[in-house]
Amino acid sequence: MGRIKDKDMPDEVRENALRILKAVYDHVEGRVGVAVVLQSVVQNDENINLSYHGPEYNEAVGYLIEEGALEEDERYRNVAAGVQPGGGLYYNMSRRGPEMLREAGFVE
């Protein structure tokens, strides 16, 4: 499994983030800007063993947001909202998402 080098980010958070991002990538077939219910994608991916309401999930999603790989989908912001990173319902993968996965060796 590849990994992004970030000296300030614990390996576990980075690895969880990359697994979440890869699940989104697979779900939307690599397309950027497609809204997904992130919690559903995480729950239904057999490679992710995270509770969507747990701190590990929130840290990983927060990392992806900070990296610019995931964005809360503004089109659905009024439908559902959360108070913490990863608390929103609809997200989309930005152009940074596939780039991050390539850098980590998850996709070509």
C-alpha atoms as a PDB file:
ATOM      1  CA  MET A   1       0.000   0.000   0.000  1.00  0.00           C
ATOM      2  CA  GLY A   2       1.398   3.412  -0.922  1.00  0.00           C
ATOM      3  CA  ARG A   3       1.364   6.436   1.309  1.00  0.00           C
ATOM      4  CA  ILE A   4       1.596  10.183   1.100  1.00  0.00           C
ATOM      5  CA  LYS A   5       4.571  11.569   2.999  1.00  0.00           C
ATOM      6  CA  ASP A   6       3.413  14.102   5.569  1.00  0.00           C
ATOM      7  CA  LYS A   7       5.699  14.381   8.546  1.00  0.00           C
ATOM      8  CA  ASP A   8       2.995  15.991  10.699  1.00  0.00           C
ATOM      9  CA  MET A   9       0.304  13.401  10.057  1.00  0.00           C
ATOM     10  CA  PRO A  10       0.274  10.078  11.924  1.00  0.00           C
ATOM     11  CA  ASP A  11       0.520   7.086   9.577  1.00  0.00           C
ATOM     12  CA  GLU A  12      -2.779   5.626  10.812  1.00  0.00           C
ATOM     13  CA  VAL A  13      -4.718   8.788   9.951  1.00  0.00           C
ATOM     14  CA  ARG A  14      -3.079   9.029   6.540  1.00  0.00           C
ATOM     15  CA  GLU A  15      -3.752   5.346   5.781  1.00  0.00           C
ATOM     16  CA  ASN A  16      -7.410   5.653   6.842  1.00  0.00           C
ATOM     17  CA  ALA A  17      -7.748   8.778   4.717  1.00  0.00           C
ATOM     18  CA  LEU A  18      -6.310   7.060   1.661  1.00  0.00           C
ATOM     19  CA  ARG A  19      -8.618   4.060   2.100  1.00  0.00           C
ATOM     20  CA  ILE A  20     -11.621   6.421   2.291  1.00  0.00           C
ATOM     21  CA  LEU A  21     -10.432   8.361  -0.738  1.00  0.00           C
ATOM     22  CA  LYS A  22      -9.873   5.149  -2.729  1.00  0.00           C
ATOM     23  CA  ALA A  23     -13.396   3.994  -1.850  1.00  0.00           C
ATOM     24  CA  VAL A  24     -14.811   7.298  -3.121  1.00  0.00           C
ATOM     25  CA  TYR A  25     -12.647   7.082  -6.246  1.00  0.00           C
ATOM     26  CA  ASP A  26     -13.904   3.574  -6.987  1.00  0.00           C
ATOM     27  CA  HIS A  27     -17.514   4.515  -6.229  1.00  0.00           C
ATOM     28  CA  VAL A  28     -17.502   7.443  -8.685  1.00  0.00           C
ATOM     29  CA  GLU A  29     -15.276   5.614 -11.180  1.00  0.00           C
ATOM     30  CA  GLY A  30     -12.564   8.261 -10.900  1.00  0.00           C
ATOM     31  CA  ARG A  31     -14.816  11.185 -11.800  1.00  0.00           C
ATOM     32  CA  VAL A  32     -14.383  14.436  -9.889  1.00  0.00           C
ATOM     33  CA  GLY A  33     -17.236  16.617  -8.681  1.00  0.00           C
ATOM     34  CA  VAL A  34     -19.752  13.778  -8.243  1.00  0.00           C
ATOM     35  CA  ALA A  35     -21.702  14.028  -4.985  1.00  0.00           C
ATOM     36  CA  VAL A  36     -21.571  10.970  -2.744  1.00  0.00           C
ATOM     37  CA  VAL A  37     -23.013  10.178   0.653  1.00  0.00           C
ATOM     38  CA  LEU A  38     -19.605   9.705   2.236  1.00  0.00           C
ATOM     39  CA  GLN A  39     -20.827   7.778   5.255  1.00  0.00           C
ATOM     40  CA  SER A  40     -22.571   5.264   3.002  1.00  0.00           C
ATOM     41  CA  VAL A  41     -19.472   4.781   0.845  1.00  0.00           C
ATOM     42  CA  VAL A  42     -17.386   4.153   3.970  1.00  0.00           C
ATOM     43  CA  GLN A  43     -19.895   1.748   5.509  1.00  0.00           C
ATOM     44  CA  ASN A  44     -20.205  -0.293   2.323  1.00  0.00           C
ATOM     45  CA  ASP A  45     -16.513  -0.654   1.478  1.00  0.00           C
ATOM     46  CA  GLU A  46     -14.992  -3.903   2.717  1.00  0.00           C
ATOM     47  CA  ASN A  47     -11.485  -2.337   2.852  1.00  0.00           C
ATOM     48  CA  ILE A  48     -12.515   0.244   5.435  1.00  0.00           C
ATOM     49  CA  ASN A  49     -13.004  -0.807   9.011  1.00  0.00           C
ATOM     50  CA  LEU A  50     -14.046   2.541  10.491  1.00  0.00           C
ATOM     51  CA  SER A  51     -17.173   3.695  12.220  1.00  0.00           C
ATOM     52  CA  TYR A  52     -18.386   6.818  10.419  1.00  0.00           C
ATOM     53  CA  HIS A  53     -19.166   8.461  13.749  1.00  0.00           C
ATOM     54  CA  GLY A  54     -15.822   7.630  15.366  1.00  0.00           C
ATOM     55  CA  PRO A  55     -12.782   9.854  15.889  1.00  0.00           C
ATOM     56  CA  GLU A  56     -10.644   7.909  13.393  1.00  0.00           C
ATOM     57  CA  TYR A  57     -13.175   8.612  10.635  1.00  0.00           C
ATOM     58  CA  ASN A  58     -13.384  12.296  11.566  1.00  0.00           C
ATOM     59  CA  GLU A  59      -9.588  12.668  11.602  1.00  0.00           C
ATOM     60  CA  ALA A  60      -9.218  10.944   8.243  1.00  0.00           C
ATOM     61  CA  VAL A  61     -11.950  12.989   6.574  1.00  0.00           C
ATOM     62  CA  GLY A  62     -10.550  16.172   8.131  1.00  0.00           C
ATOM     63  CA  TYR A  63      -7.170  15.326   6.619  1.00  0.00           C
ATOM     64  CA  LEU A  64      -8.719  14.797   3.166  1.00  0.00           C
ATOM     65  CA  ILE A  65     -10.534  18.127   3.428  1.00  0.00           C
ATOM     66  CA  GLU A  66      -7.348  19.930   4.505  1.00  0.00           C
ATOM     67  CA  GLU A  67      -5.462  18.316   1.602  1.00  0.00           C
ATOM     68  CA  GLY A  68      -8.185  19.495  -0.779  1.00  0.00           C
ATOM     69  CA  ALA A  69      -9.004  15.945  -1.913  1.00  0.00           C
ATOM     70  CA  LEU A  70     -12.586  16.015  -0.601  1.00  0.00           C
ATOM     71  CA  GLU A  71     -14.975  18.945  -0.504  1.00  0.00           C
ATOM     72  CA  GLU A  72     -18.354  19.232   1.108  1.00  0.00           C
ATOM     73  CA  ASP A  73     -20.768  19.400  -1.803  1.00  0.00           C
ATOM     74  CA  GLU A  74     -22.253  22.896  -1.690  1.00  0.00           C
ATOM     75  CA  ARG A  75     -25.236  21.851  -3.806  1.00  0.00           C
ATOM     76  CA  TYR A  76     -26.521  19.786  -0.907  1.00  0.00           C
ATOM     77  CA  ARG A  77     -25.298  21.831   2.043  1.00  0.00           C
ATOM     78  CA  ASN A  78     -28.831  22.753   3.123  1.00  0.00           C
ATOM     79  CA  VAL A  79     -29.964  19.129   2.966  1.00  0.00           C
ATOM     80  CA  ALA A  80     -27.708  17.941   5.775  1.00  0.00           C
ATOM     81  CA  ALA A  81     -24.851  19.412   7.748  1.00  0.00           C
ATOM     82  CA  GLY A  82     -22.516  18.384  10.514  1.00  0.00           C
ATOM     83  CA  VAL A  83     -20.518  20.231  13.111  1.00  0.00           C
ATOM     84  CA  GLN A  84     -17.193  18.430  12.672  1.00  0.00           C
ATOM     85  CA  PRO A  85     -14.996  17.374   9.761  1.00  0.00           C
ATOM     86  CA  GLY A  86     -16.716  14.435   8.170  1.00  0.00           C
ATOM     87  CA  GLY A  87     -20.012  15.444   9.757  1.00  0.00           C
ATOM     88  CA  GLY A  88     -21.541  16.591   6.493  1.00  0.00           C
ATOM     89  CA  LEU A  89     -23.510  14.184   4.399  1.00  0.00           C
ATOM     90  CA  TYR A  90     -22.616  14.910   0.759  1.00  0.00           C
ATOM     91  CA  TYR A  91     -19.036  15.230  -0.440  1.00  0.00           C
ATOM     92  CA  ASN A  92     -17.301  15.197  -3.785  1.00  0.00           C
ATOM     93  CA  MET A  93     -13.771  14.316  -4.779  1.00  0.00           C
ATOM     94  CA  SER A  94     -11.803  17.231  -6.170  1.00  0.00           C
ATOM     95  CA  ARG A  95      -9.042  17.028  -8.777  1.00  0.00           C
ATOM     96  CA  ARG A  96      -6.608  16.674  -5.888  1.00  0.00           C
ATOM     97  CA  GLY A  97      -8.168  13.306  -4.968  1.00  0.00           C
ATOM     98  CA  PRO A  98      -6.913  11.240  -7.930  1.00  0.00           C
ATOM     99  CA  GLU A  99      -3.599  13.096  -7.769  1.00  0.00           C
ATOM    100  CA  MET A 100      -3.203  12.135  -4.115  1.00  0.00           C
ATOM    101  CA  LEU A 101      -4.026   8.498  -4.899  1.00  0.00           C
ATOM    102  CA  ARG A 102      -1.463   8.454  -7.728  1.00  0.00           C
ATOM    103  CA  GLU A 103       1.199   9.931  -5.436  1.00  0.00           C
ATOM    104  CA  ALA A 104       0.454   7.191  -2.896  1.00  0.00           C
ATOM    105  CA  GLY A 105       0.533   4.430  -5.520  1.00  0.00           C
ATOM    106  CA  PHE A 106      -3.163   3.515  -5.261  1.00  0.00           C
ATOM    107  CA  VAL A 107      -4.031   4.286  -8.901  1.00  0.00           C
ATOM    108  CA  GLU A 108      -2.100   4.773 -12.127  1.00  0.00           C
END
